[in-house]
Amino acid sequence: MNTEGKTTKTLNGILLRPLAVGAKAVILHQGQVTLTSRVVSIHSYGMGEVRFETLNTQYRLLTGPSSEPAAGCFPLAMAA
């Protein structure tokens, strides 16, 4: 795949469904859902990082433990 001229993005987030060539990636990033164009190549899929390429963009998705807080997890002040 020709990668010249493609945008490169690094995101902190999680995949909301398994990554698959030919399908769109669905990413939860900064509390918003991002839907990419079709995935054309998966370069690496490891602990804490996924690298893949879509029709328009090369992605580096950081998926470590601090990528996205669990929904509804907010610090609570101690009650007196």
PDB file of N, CA and C in Angstrom:
ATOM      1  N   MET A   1       0.850  -1.185   0.000  1.00  0.00           N
ATOM      2  CA  MET A   1       0.000   0.000   0.000  1.00  0.00           C
ATOM      3  C   MET A   1       0.884   1.233   0.000  1.00  0.00           C
ATOM      4  N   ASN A   2       0.608   2.183  -0.828  1.00  0.00           N
ATOM      5  CA  ASN A   2       1.361   3.421  -0.904  1.00  0.00           C
ATOM      6  C   ASN A   2       0.991   4.307   0.276  1.00  0.00           C
ATOM      7  N   THR A   3       1.994   4.600   1.127  1.00  0.00           N
ATOM      8  CA  THR A   3       1.718   5.389   2.322  1.00  0.00           C
ATOM      9  C   THR A   3       2.136   6.847   2.170  1.00  0.00           C
ATOM     10  N   GLU A   4       2.730   7.206   1.037  1.00  0.00           N
ATOM     11  CA  GLU A   4       3.116   8.597   0.827  1.00  0.00           C
ATOM     12  C   GLU A   4       1.868   9.476   0.753  1.00  0.00           C
ATOM     13  N   GLY A   5       1.936  10.608   1.448  1.00  0.00           N
ATOM     14  CA  GLY A   5       0.823  11.541   1.416  1.00  0.00           C
ATOM     15  C   GLY A   5      -0.285  11.226   2.407  1.00  0.00           C
ATOM     16  N   LYS A   6      -0.176  10.109   3.114  1.00  0.00           N
ATOM     17  CA  LYS A   6      -1.207   9.778   4.111  1.00  0.00           C
ATOM     18  C   LYS A   6      -0.928  10.517   5.411  1.00  0.00           C
ATOM     19  N   THR A   7      -1.997  10.902   6.073  1.00  0.00           N
ATOM     20  CA  THR A   7      -1.912  11.509   7.389  1.00  0.00           C
ATOM     21  C   THR A   7      -1.530  10.430   8.403  1.00  0.00           C
ATOM     22  N   THR A   8      -0.755  10.809   9.406  1.00  0.00           N
ATOM     23  CA  THR A   8      -0.413   9.897  10.493  1.00  0.00           C
ATOM     24  C   THR A   8      -1.052  10.435  11.770  1.00  0.00           C
ATOM     25  N   LYS A   9      -1.777   9.576  12.486  1.00  0.00           N
ATOM     26  CA  LYS A   9      -2.440   9.984  13.733  1.00  0.00           C
ATOM     27  C   LYS A   9      -2.038   9.044  14.855  1.00  0.00           C
ATOM     28  N   THR A  10      -1.761   9.621  16.025  1.00  0.00           N
ATOM     29  CA  THR A  10      -1.544   8.853  17.244  1.00  0.00           C
ATOM     30  C   THR A  10      -2.664   9.211  18.197  1.00  0.00           C
ATOM     31  N   LEU A  11      -3.395   8.203  18.644  1.00  0.00           N
ATOM     32  CA  LEU A  11      -4.535   8.405  19.542  1.00  0.00           C
ATOM     33  C   LEU A  11      -4.367   7.561  20.793  1.00  0.00           C
ATOM     34  N   ASN A  12      -4.892   8.045  21.908  1.00  0.00           N
ATOM     35  CA  ASN A  12      -5.019   7.256  23.129  1.00  0.00           C
ATOM     36  C   ASN A  12      -6.471   6.831  23.213  1.00  0.00           C
ATOM     37  N   GLY A  13      -6.727   5.541  23.214  1.00  0.00           N
ATOM     38  CA  GLY A  13      -8.106   5.077  23.264  1.00  0.00           C
ATOM     39  C   GLY A  13      -8.189   3.568  23.214  1.00  0.00           C
ATOM     40  N   ILE A  14      -9.375   3.089  22.898  1.00  0.00           N
ATOM     41  CA  ILE A  14      -9.610   1.644  22.815  1.00  0.00           C
ATOM     42  C   ILE A  14     -10.454   1.333  21.586  1.00  0.00           C
ATOM     43  N   LEU A  15     -10.261   0.144  21.059  1.00  0.00           N
ATOM     44  CA  LEU A  15     -11.101  -0.343  19.965  1.00  0.00           C
ATOM     45  C   LEU A  15     -12.405  -0.844  20.540  1.00  0.00           C
ATOM     46  N   LEU A  16     -13.512  -0.455  19.947  1.00  0.00           N
ATOM     47  CA  LEU A  16     -14.818  -0.901  20.433  1.00  0.00           C
ATOM     48  C   LEU A  16     -15.279  -2.184  19.760  1.00  0.00           C
ATOM     49  N   ARG A  17     -14.575  -2.593  18.714  1.00  0.00           N
ATOM     50  CA  ARG A  17     -14.823  -3.893  18.094  1.00  0.00           C
ATOM     51  C   ARG A  17     -13.501  -4.365  17.493  1.00  0.00           C
ATOM     52  N   PRO A  18     -13.366  -5.653  17.241  1.00  0.00           N
ATOM     53  CA  PRO A  18     -12.101  -6.166  16.711  1.00  0.00           C
ATOM     54  C   PRO A  18     -11.724  -5.493  15.391  1.00  0.00           C
ATOM     55  N   LEU A  19     -10.436  -5.257  15.238  1.00  0.00           N
ATOM     56  CA  LEU A  19      -9.907  -4.646  14.023  1.00  0.00           C
ATOM     57  C   LEU A  19      -9.858  -5.695  12.924  1.00  0.00           C
ATOM     58  N   ALA A  20     -10.339  -5.355  11.726  1.00  0.00           N
ATOM     59  CA  ALA A  20     -10.362  -6.301  10.609  1.00  0.00           C
ATOM     60  C   ALA A  20     -10.128  -5.568   9.298  1.00  0.00           C
ATOM     61  N   VAL A  21      -9.282  -6.147   8.451  1.00  0.00           N
ATOM     62  CA  VAL A  21      -9.047  -5.583   7.125  1.00  0.00           C
ATOM     63  C   VAL A  21     -10.369  -5.610   6.358  1.00  0.00           C
ATOM     64  N   GLY A  22     -10.693  -4.498   5.700  1.00  0.00           N
ATOM     65  CA  GLY A  22     -11.926  -4.390   4.932  1.00  0.00           C
ATOM     66  C   GLY A  22     -13.073  -3.763   5.701  1.00  0.00           C
ATOM     67  N   ALA A  23     -12.931  -3.646   7.026  1.00  0.00           N
ATOM     68  CA  ALA A  23     -13.982  -3.042   7.860  1.00  0.00           C
ATOM     69  C   ALA A  23     -13.475  -1.720   8.430  1.00  0.00           C
ATOM     70  N   LYS A  24     -14.385  -0.901   8.887  1.00  0.00           N
ATOM     71  CA  LYS A  24     -14.010   0.353   9.537  1.00  0.00           C
ATOM     72  C   LYS A  24     -13.619   0.080  10.979  1.00  0.00           C
ATOM     73  N   ALA A  25     -12.617   0.803  11.483  1.00  0.00           N
ATOM     74  CA  ALA A  25     -12.253   0.709  12.896  1.00  0.00           C
ATOM     75  C   ALA A  25     -13.169   1.632  13.689  1.00  0.00           C
ATOM     76  N   VAL A  26     -13.548   1.191  14.887  1.00  0.00           N
ATOM     77  CA  VAL A  26     -14.375   2.001  15.780  1.00  0.00           C
ATOM     78  C   VAL A  26     -13.557   2.213  17.051  1.00  0.00           C
ATOM     79  N   ILE A  27     -13.217   3.477  17.314  1.00  0.00           N
ATOM     80  CA  ILE A  27     -12.301   3.821  18.399  1.00  0.00           C
ATOM     81  C   ILE A  27     -12.984   4.759  19.385  1.00  0.00           C
ATOM     82  N   LEU A  28     -12.854   4.454  20.686  1.00  0.00           N
ATOM     83  CA  LEU A  28     -13.284   5.372  21.742  1.00  0.00           C
ATOM     84  C   LEU A  28     -12.055   6.175  22.133  1.00  0.00           C
ATOM     85  N   HIS A  29     -12.109   7.493  21.901  1.00  0.00           N
ATOM     86  CA  HIS A  29     -10.967   8.378  22.103  1.00  0.00           C
ATOM     87  C   HIS A  29     -11.469   9.691  22.686  1.00  0.00           C
ATOM     88  N   GLN A  30     -10.985  10.050  23.859  1.00  0.00           N
ATOM     89  CA  GLN A  30     -11.367  11.287  24.546  1.00  0.00           C
ATOM     90  C   GLN A  30     -12.880  11.415  24.706  1.00  0.00           C
ATOM     91  N   GLY A  31     -13.523  10.309  25.039  1.00  0.00           N
ATOM     92  CA  GLY A  31     -14.961  10.316  25.284  1.00  0.00           C
ATOM     93  C   GLY A  31     -15.817  10.355  24.035  1.00  0.00           C
ATOM     94  N   GLN A  32     -15.208  10.304  22.868  1.00  0.00           N
ATOM     95  CA  GLN A  32     -15.945  10.351  21.604  1.00  0.00           C
ATOM     96  C   GLN A  32     -15.652   9.088  20.809  1.00  0.00           C
ATOM     97  N   VAL A  33     -16.588   8.683  19.993  1.00  0.00           N
ATOM     98  CA  VAL A  33     -16.401   7.516  19.134  1.00  0.00           C
ATOM     99  C   VAL A  33     -15.946   8.000  17.758  1.00  0.00           C
ATOM    100  N   THR A  34     -14.851   7.426  17.280  1.00  0.00           N
ATOM    101  CA  THR A  34     -14.317   7.742  15.957  1.00  0.00           C
ATOM    102  C   THR A  34     -14.502   6.530  15.062  1.00  0.00           C
ATOM    103  N   LEU A  35     -15.070   6.746  13.903  1.00  0.00           N
ATOM    104  CA  LEU A  35     -15.249   5.706  12.895  1.00  0.00           C
ATOM    105  C   LEU A  35     -14.313   6.041  11.746  1.00  0.00           C
ATOM    106  N   THR A  36     -13.373   5.142  11.446  1.00  0.00           N
ATOM    107  CA  THR A  36     -12.384   5.406  10.404  1.00  0.00           C
ATOM    108  C   THR A  36     -12.909   4.962   9.039  1.00  0.00           C
ATOM    109  N   SER A  37     -12.132   5.253   8.004  1.00  0.00           N
ATOM    110  CA  SER A  37     -12.408   4.658   6.701  1.00  0.00           C
ATOM    111  C   SER A  37     -11.959   3.187   6.768  1.00  0.00           C
ATOM    112  N   ARG A  38     -12.146   2.433   5.696  1.00  0.00           N
ATOM    113  CA  ARG A  38     -11.834   0.997   5.710  1.00  0.00           C
ATOM    114  C   ARG A  38     -10.369   0.734   6.035  1.00  0.00           C
ATOM    115  N   VAL A  39     -10.135  -0.265   6.861  1.00  0.00           N
ATOM    116  CA  VAL A  39      -8.778  -0.699   7.203  1.00  0.00           C
ATOM    117  C   VAL A  39      -8.221  -1.481   6.011  1.00  0.00           C
ATOM    118  N   VAL A  40      -7.021  -1.088   5.566  1.00  0.00           N
ATOM    119  CA  VAL A  40      -6.394  -1.780   4.440  1.00  0.00           C
ATOM    120  C   VAL A  40      -5.227  -2.646   4.888  1.00  0.00           C
ATOM    121  N   SER A  41      -4.695  -2.375   6.100  1.00  0.00           N
ATOM    122  CA  SER A  41      -3.565  -3.161   6.589  1.00  0.00           C
ATOM    123  C   SER A  41      -3.454  -3.015   8.105  1.00  0.00           C
ATOM    124  N   ILE A  42      -3.126  -4.119   8.778  1.00  0.00           N
ATOM    125  CA  ILE A  42      -2.832  -4.096  10.209  1.00  0.00           C
ATOM    126  C   ILE A  42      -1.341  -4.364  10.334  1.00  0.00           C
ATOM    127  N   HIS A  43      -0.587  -3.391  10.838  1.00  0.00           N
ATOM    128  CA  HIS A  43       0.864  -3.508  10.901  1.00  0.00           C
ATOM    129  C   HIS A  43       1.336  -4.204  12.165  1.00  0.00           C
ATOM    130  N   SER A  44       0.735  -3.895  13.299  1.00  0.00           N
ATOM    131  CA  SER A  44       1.088  -4.576  14.553  1.00  0.00           C
ATOM    132  C   SER A  44      -0.076  -4.471  15.525  1.00  0.00           C
ATOM    133  N   TYR A  45      -0.194  -5.484  16.340  1.00  0.00           N
ATOM    134  CA  TYR A  45      -1.288  -5.558  17.313  1.00  0.00           C
ATOM    135  C   TYR A  45      -0.688  -6.160  18.565  1.00  0.00           C
ATOM    136  N   GLY A  46      -0.248  -5.303  19.495  1.00  0.00           N
ATOM    137  CA  GLY A  46       0.430  -5.803  20.679  1.00  0.00           C
ATOM    138  C   GLY A  46      -0.114  -5.189  21.949  1.00  0.00           C
ATOM    139  N   MET A  47       0.557  -5.533  23.038  1.00  0.00           N
ATOM    140  CA  MET A  47       0.172  -4.991  24.337  1.00  0.00           C
ATOM    141  C   MET A  47       0.401  -3.488  24.363  1.00  0.00           C
ATOM    142  N   GLY A  48      -0.642  -2.732  24.520  1.00  0.00           N
ATOM    143  CA  GLY A  48      -0.534  -1.297  24.668  1.00  0.00           C
ATOM    144  C   GLY A  48      -0.476  -0.490  23.396  1.00  0.00           C
ATOM    145  N   GLU A  49      -0.425  -1.142  22.233  1.00  0.00           N
ATOM    146  CA  GLU A  49      -0.329  -0.374  20.998  1.00  0.00           C
ATOM    147  C   GLU A  49      -0.839  -1.183  19.809  1.00  0.00           C
ATOM    148  N   VAL A  50      -1.573  -0.496  18.935  1.00  0.00           N
ATOM    149  CA  VAL A  50      -2.036  -1.087  17.679  1.00  0.00           C
ATOM    150  C   VAL A  50      -1.651  -0.126  16.567  1.00  0.00           C
ATOM    151  N   ARG A  51      -1.040  -0.651  15.507  1.00  0.00           N
ATOM    152  CA  ARG A  51      -0.703   0.169  14.335  1.00  0.00           C
ATOM    153  C   ARG A  51      -1.434  -0.408  13.140  1.00  0.00           C
ATOM    154  N   PHE A  52      -2.198   0.465  12.476  1.00  0.00           N
ATOM    155  CA  PHE A  52      -2.941   0.016  11.306  1.00  0.00           C
ATOM    156  C   PHE A  52      -3.086   1.159  10.323  1.00  0.00           C
ATOM    157  N   GLU A  53      -3.513   0.815   9.133  1.00  0.00           N
ATOM    158  CA  GLU A  53      -3.624   1.784   8.055  1.00  0.00           C
ATOM    159  C   GLU A  53      -5.010   1.689   7.430  1.00  0.00           C
ATOM    160  N   THR A  54      -5.596   2.846   7.182  1.00  0.00           N
ATOM    161  CA  THR A  54      -6.882   2.906   6.488  1.00  0.00           C
ATOM    162  C   THR A  54      -6.642   3.471   5.086  1.00  0.00           C
ATOM    163  N   LEU A  55      -7.703   3.670   4.350  1.00  0.00           N
ATOM    164  CA  LEU A  55      -7.569   4.236   3.009  1.00  0.00           C
ATOM    165  C   LEU A  55      -6.867   5.594   3.032  1.00  0.00           C
ATOM    166  N   ASN A  56      -7.076   6.365   4.096  1.00  0.00           N
ATOM    167  CA  ASN A  56      -6.593   7.743   4.144  1.00  0.00           C
ATOM    168  C   ASN A  56      -5.503   8.024   5.176  1.00  0.00           C
ATOM    169  N   THR A  57      -5.369   7.173   6.198  1.00  0.00           N
ATOM    170  CA  THR A  57      -4.570   7.519   7.366  1.00  0.00           C
ATOM    171  C   THR A  57      -3.804   6.324   7.912  1.00  0.00           C
ATOM    172  N   GLN A  58      -2.619   6.595   8.484  1.00  0.00           N
ATOM    173  CA  GLN A  58      -1.890   5.599   9.251  1.00  0.00           C
ATOM    174  C   GLN A  58      -2.147   5.907  10.729  1.00  0.00           C
ATOM    175  N   TYR A  59      -2.586   4.902  11.487  1.00  0.00           N
ATOM    176  CA  TYR A  59      -2.932   5.093  12.896  1.00  0.00           C
ATOM    177  C   TYR A  59      -1.960   4.370  13.808  1.00  0.00           C
ATOM    178  N   ARG A  60      -1.667   5.035  14.918  1.00  0.00           N
ATOM    179  CA  ARG A  60      -0.975   4.416  16.050  1.00  0.00           C
ATOM    180  C   ARG A  60      -1.918   4.627  17.233  1.00  0.00           C
ATOM    181  N   LEU A  61      -2.544   3.555  17.679  1.00  0.00           N
ATOM    182  CA  LEU A  61      -3.517   3.630  18.770  1.00  0.00           C
ATOM    183  C   LEU A  61      -2.873   3.106  20.041  1.00  0.00           C
ATOM    184  N   LEU A  62      -2.718   3.977  21.029  1.00  0.00           N
ATOM    185  CA  LEU A  62      -2.156   3.597  22.320  1.00  0.00           C
ATOM    186  C   LEU A  62      -3.296   3.111  23.197  1.00  0.00           C
ATOM    187  N   THR A  63      -3.220   1.855  23.608  1.00  0.00           N
ATOM    188  CA  THR A  63      -4.337   1.217  24.304  1.00  0.00           C
ATOM    189  C   THR A  63      -3.983   0.817  25.729  1.00  0.00           C
ATOM    190  N   GLY A  64      -2.984   1.470  26.308  1.00  0.00           N
ATOM    191  CA  GLY A  64      -2.540   1.127  27.660  1.00  0.00           C
ATOM    192  C   GLY A  64      -3.622   1.349  28.696  1.00  0.00           C
ATOM    193  N   PRO A  65      -3.336   0.972  29.939  1.00  0.00           N
ATOM    194  CA  PRO A  65      -4.348   1.040  30.997  1.00  0.00           C
ATOM    195  C   PRO A  65      -4.901   2.428  31.253  1.00  0.00           C
ATOM    196  N   SER A  66      -4.165   3.482  30.942  1.00  0.00           N
ATOM    197  CA  SER A  66      -4.683   4.836  31.194  1.00  0.00           C
ATOM    198  C   SER A  66      -5.275   5.463  29.944  1.00  0.00           C
ATOM    199  N   SER A  67      -5.510   4.682  28.893  1.00  0.00           N
ATOM    200  CA  SER A  67      -6.012   5.240  27.644  1.00  0.00           C
ATOM    201  C   SER A  67      -7.390   5.854  27.785  1.00  0.00           C
ATOM    202  N   GLU A  68      -8.316   5.141  28.362  1.00  0.00           N
ATOM    203  CA  GLU A  68      -9.676   5.647  28.554  1.00  0.00           C
ATOM    204  C   GLU A  68     -10.172   5.175  29.912  1.00  0.00           C
ATOM    205  N   PRO A  69     -10.594   6.091  30.787  1.00  0.00           N
ATOM    206  CA  PRO A  69     -11.147   5.659  32.065  1.00  0.00           C
ATOM    207  C   PRO A  69     -12.468   4.926  31.853  1.00  0.00           C
ATOM    208  N   ALA A  70     -12.753   4.018  32.742  1.00  0.00           N
ATOM    209  CA  ALA A  70     -14.022   3.290  32.659  1.00  0.00           C
ATOM    210  C   ALA A  70     -15.183   4.264  32.810  1.00  0.00           C
ATOM    211  N   ALA A  71     -16.246   4.023  32.095  1.00  0.00           N
ATOM    212  CA  ALA A  71     -17.422   4.894  32.150  1.00  0.00           C
ATOM    213  C   ALA A  71     -17.984   4.920  33.562  1.00  0.00           C
ATOM    214  N   GLY A  72     -18.303   6.093  34.035  1.00  0.00           N
ATOM    215  CA  GLY A  72     -18.913   6.226  35.356  1.00  0.00           C
ATOM    216  C   GLY A  72     -17.928   6.195  36.502  1.00  0.00           C
ATOM    217  N   CYS A  73     -16.639   6.197  36.250  1.00  0.00           N
ATOM    218  CA  CYS A  73     -15.642   6.190  37.314  1.00  0.00           C
ATOM    219  C   CYS A  73     -15.190   7.619  37.580  1.00  0.00           C
ATOM    220  N   PHE A  74     -15.780   8.224  38.555  1.00  0.00           N
ATOM    221  CA  PHE A  74     -15.436   9.588  38.896  1.00  0.00           C
ATOM    222  C   PHE A  74     -15.013   9.610  40.359  1.00  0.00           C
ATOM    223  N   PRO A  75     -13.991  10.382  40.700  1.00  0.00           N
ATOM    224  CA  PRO A  75     -13.584  10.465  42.110  1.00  0.00           C
ATOM    225  C   PRO A  75     -14.701  11.080  42.953  1.00  0.00           C
ATOM    226  N   LEU A  76     -14.900  10.545  44.110  1.00  0.00           N
ATOM    227  CA  LEU A  76     -15.936  11.053  45.017  1.00  0.00           C
ATOM    228  C   LEU A  76     -15.272  11.691  46.223  1.00  0.00           C
ATOM    229  N   ALA A  77     -15.779  12.823  46.636  1.00  0.00           N
ATOM    230  CA  ALA A  77     -15.288  13.497  47.833  1.00  0.00           C
ATOM    231  C   ALA A  77     -15.786  12.734  49.055  1.00  0.00           C
ATOM    232  N   MET A  78     -15.000  12.756  50.109  1.00  0.00           N
ATOM    233  CA  MET A  78     -15.424  12.073  51.335  1.00  0.00           C
ATOM    234  C   MET A  78     -16.529  12.880  52.000  1.00  0.00           C
ATOM    235  N   ALA A  79     -17.527  12.178  52.469  1.00  0.00           N
ATOM    236  CA  ALA A  79     -18.631  12.835  53.174  1.00  0.00           C
ATOM    237  C   ALA A  79     -18.271  13.019  54.629  1.00  0.00           C
ATOM    238  N   ALA A  80     -18.727  14.116  55.222  1.00  0.00           N
ATOM    239  CA  ALA A  80     -18.437  14.385  56.633  1.00  0.00           C
ATOM    240  C   ALA A  80     -19.422  13.698  57.516  1.00  0.00           C
TER     241      ALA A  80
END
